[in-house]
């Protein structure tokens, strides 16, 4: 039988390297120690918690299902695709992840300002986007 945790370690390393992140950067953004991340990537952790996997998925800007599947977690009785629904385009997240944190904060403030302007005019920016999809 295939070891699902081996797939998880390789997947984490692959995604981290695709984003050009160091272990120190990912561990900091994922809220875990660099040593623990190293253990995960080297398949030394047998049962990482779902909370750890979700934090790593967020830091790696991927749908949590990618890591949950690699870790061998079941999708639940109905196997629903919406159980771990992500509402942000992964390509947008990858694009934004390339910016330094300071620039990300600036872009977020800019988008919030635009949303407030639209809300004052009677149409929320986020509702306008949702209506188009």
Protein backbone atom coordinates (compact mmCIF):
# COMPACT_ATOMS: atom_id res chain seq x y z
CA UNK A 1 0.00 0.00 0.00
CA UNK A 2 1.27 3.48 -0.88
CA UNK A 3 2.30 5.70 2.05
CA UNK A 4 0.04 8.80 1.71
CA UNK A 5 2.32 10.85 3.97
CA UNK A 6 5.20 10.48 1.55
CA UNK A 7 3.00 12.13 -1.06
CA UNK A 8 2.21 14.94 1.39
CA UNK A 9 5.86 15.77 2.07
CA UNK A 10 6.71 15.83 -1.62
CA UNK A 11 3.63 17.94 -2.39
CA UNK A 12 4.45 20.53 0.27
CA UNK A 13 8.04 20.81 -0.95
CA UNK A 14 6.93 21.05 -4.60
CA UNK A 15 4.40 23.81 -3.90
CA UNK A 16 6.83 25.72 -1.69
CA UNK A 17 9.54 25.60 -4.34
CA UNK A 18 7.08 26.65 -7.09
CA UNK A 19 6.34 29.77 -5.07
CA UNK A 20 10.04 30.39 -4.46
CA UNK A 21 9.57 30.21 -0.70
CA UNK A 22 12.15 29.08 1.79
CA UNK A 23 11.24 26.72 4.61
CA UNK A 24 11.64 29.66 6.99
CA UNK A 25 9.12 31.73 5.02
CA UNK A 26 6.57 28.94 4.76
CA UNK A 27 6.89 27.93 8.40
CA UNK A 28 6.42 31.54 9.47
CA UNK A 29 3.38 32.08 7.24
CA UNK A 30 1.96 28.67 8.18
CA UNK A 31 2.37 29.24 11.91
CA UNK A 32 4.63 26.28 12.62
CA UNK A 33 8.28 25.77 13.39
CA UNK A 34 10.82 25.32 10.62
CA UNK A 35 11.87 22.04 12.22
CA UNK A 36 8.31 20.70 12.06
CA UNK A 37 7.99 21.80 8.42
CA UNK A 38 11.25 20.00 7.64
CA UNK A 39 9.89 16.87 9.31
CA UNK A 40 6.71 17.14 7.23
CA UNK A 41 8.64 17.53 3.99
CA UNK A 42 10.88 14.59 4.89
CA UNK A 43 7.89 12.38 5.78
CA UNK A 44 8.89 12.11 9.42
CA UNK A 45 5.42 13.12 10.69
CA UNK A 46 2.89 10.31 10.65
CA UNK A 47 -0.40 12.11 11.26
CA UNK A 48 -0.32 15.87 10.71
CA UNK A 49 -3.47 17.51 12.01
CA UNK A 50 -6.05 18.96 9.67
CA UNK A 51 -5.40 22.36 11.25
CA UNK A 52 -1.72 22.20 10.25
CA UNK A 53 -2.66 21.13 6.74
CA UNK A 54 -5.18 23.96 6.41
CA UNK A 55 -2.65 26.56 7.61
CA UNK A 56 -0.07 25.25 5.13
CA UNK A 57 -2.62 25.29 2.31
CA UNK A 58 -3.43 28.90 3.11
CA UNK A 59 0.26 29.86 3.22
CA UNK A 60 0.87 27.99 -0.06
CA UNK A 61 -2.19 29.58 -1.67
CA UNK A 62 -3.73 26.25 -2.65
CA UNK A 63 -7.05 24.60 -2.13
CA UNK A 64 -6.81 22.64 1.15
CA UNK A 65 -8.09 19.55 -0.69
CA UNK A 66 -4.74 19.31 -2.48
CA UNK A 67 -2.90 18.71 0.79
CA UNK A 68 -5.75 16.83 2.46
CA UNK A 69 -5.80 14.34 -0.42
CA UNK A 70 -2.00 14.00 -0.34
CA UNK A 71 -2.18 13.34 3.41
CA UNK A 72 -4.73 10.59 2.87
CA UNK A 73 -7.70 12.33 4.48
CA UNK A 74 -11.11 11.14 3.34
CA UNK A 75 -13.40 13.69 1.78
CA UNK A 76 -16.28 12.52 3.90
CA UNK A 77 -19.19 10.23 3.30
CA UNK A 78 -20.49 12.08 0.26
CA UNK A 79 -17.09 13.00 -1.22
CA UNK A 80 -18.43 16.47 -1.88
CA UNK A 81 -16.18 18.82 -3.83
CA UNK A 82 -17.56 21.75 -1.81
CA UNK A 83 -16.44 20.51 1.61
CA UNK A 84 -13.25 22.58 1.42
CA UNK A 85 -14.48 25.21 -1.00
CA UNK A 86 -12.08 28.03 -1.77
CA UNK A 87 -13.64 31.19 -3.13
CA UNK A 88 -10.47 32.91 -4.35
CA UNK A 89 -8.92 32.13 -7.70
CA UNK A 90 -5.70 30.18 -7.00
CA UNK A 91 -3.92 32.00 -9.84
CA UNK A 92 -4.71 35.33 -8.19
CA UNK A 93 -3.32 34.05 -4.90
CA UNK A 94 -0.13 32.83 -6.55
CA UNK A 95 0.26 36.18 -8.29
CA UNK A 96 -0.22 38.13 -5.07
CA UNK A 97 2.13 35.81 -3.16
CA UNK A 98 5.01 37.08 -5.30
CA UNK A 99 4.62 40.60 -3.86
CA UNK A 100 6.31 41.57 -0.60
CA UNK A 101 3.97 41.69 2.40
CA UNK A 102 4.07 45.51 2.45
CA UNK A 103 2.81 45.70 -1.13
CA UNK A 104 0.14 43.08 -0.41
CA UNK A 105 -1.11 45.26 2.45
CA UNK A 106 -1.17 48.29 0.16
CA UNK A 107 -3.16 46.40 -2.50
CA UNK A 108 -5.63 45.18 0.12
CA UNK A 109 -6.18 48.75 1.38
CA UNK A 110 -6.65 49.91 -2.20
CA UNK A 111 -9.24 47.21 -2.92
CA UNK A 112 -11.10 47.94 0.32
CA UNK A 113 -11.16 51.63 -0.58
CA UNK A 114 -12.60 50.82 -4.01
CA UNK A 115 -15.21 48.57 -2.41
CA UNK A 116 -16.22 51.34 0.01
CA UNK A 117 -16.55 53.83 -2.88
CA UNK A 118 -18.76 51.40 -4.77
CA UNK A 119 -20.83 50.72 -1.66
CA UNK A 120 -21.43 54.46 -1.22
CA UNK A 121 -22.65 54.63 -4.80
CA UNK A 122 -25.11 51.82 -4.09
CA UNK A 123 -23.22 48.89 -5.56
CA UNK A 124 -20.65 46.84 -3.68
CA UNK A 125 -17.56 45.97 -5.68
CA UNK A 126 -17.72 42.39 -4.37
CA UNK A 127 -21.38 42.04 -5.23
CA UNK A 128 -20.77 43.46 -8.69
CA UNK A 129 -18.09 40.86 -9.32
CA UNK A 130 -20.23 38.04 -7.96
CA UNK A 131 -23.14 39.03 -10.16
CA UNK A 132 -20.99 38.70 -13.28
CA UNK A 133 -19.95 35.11 -12.58
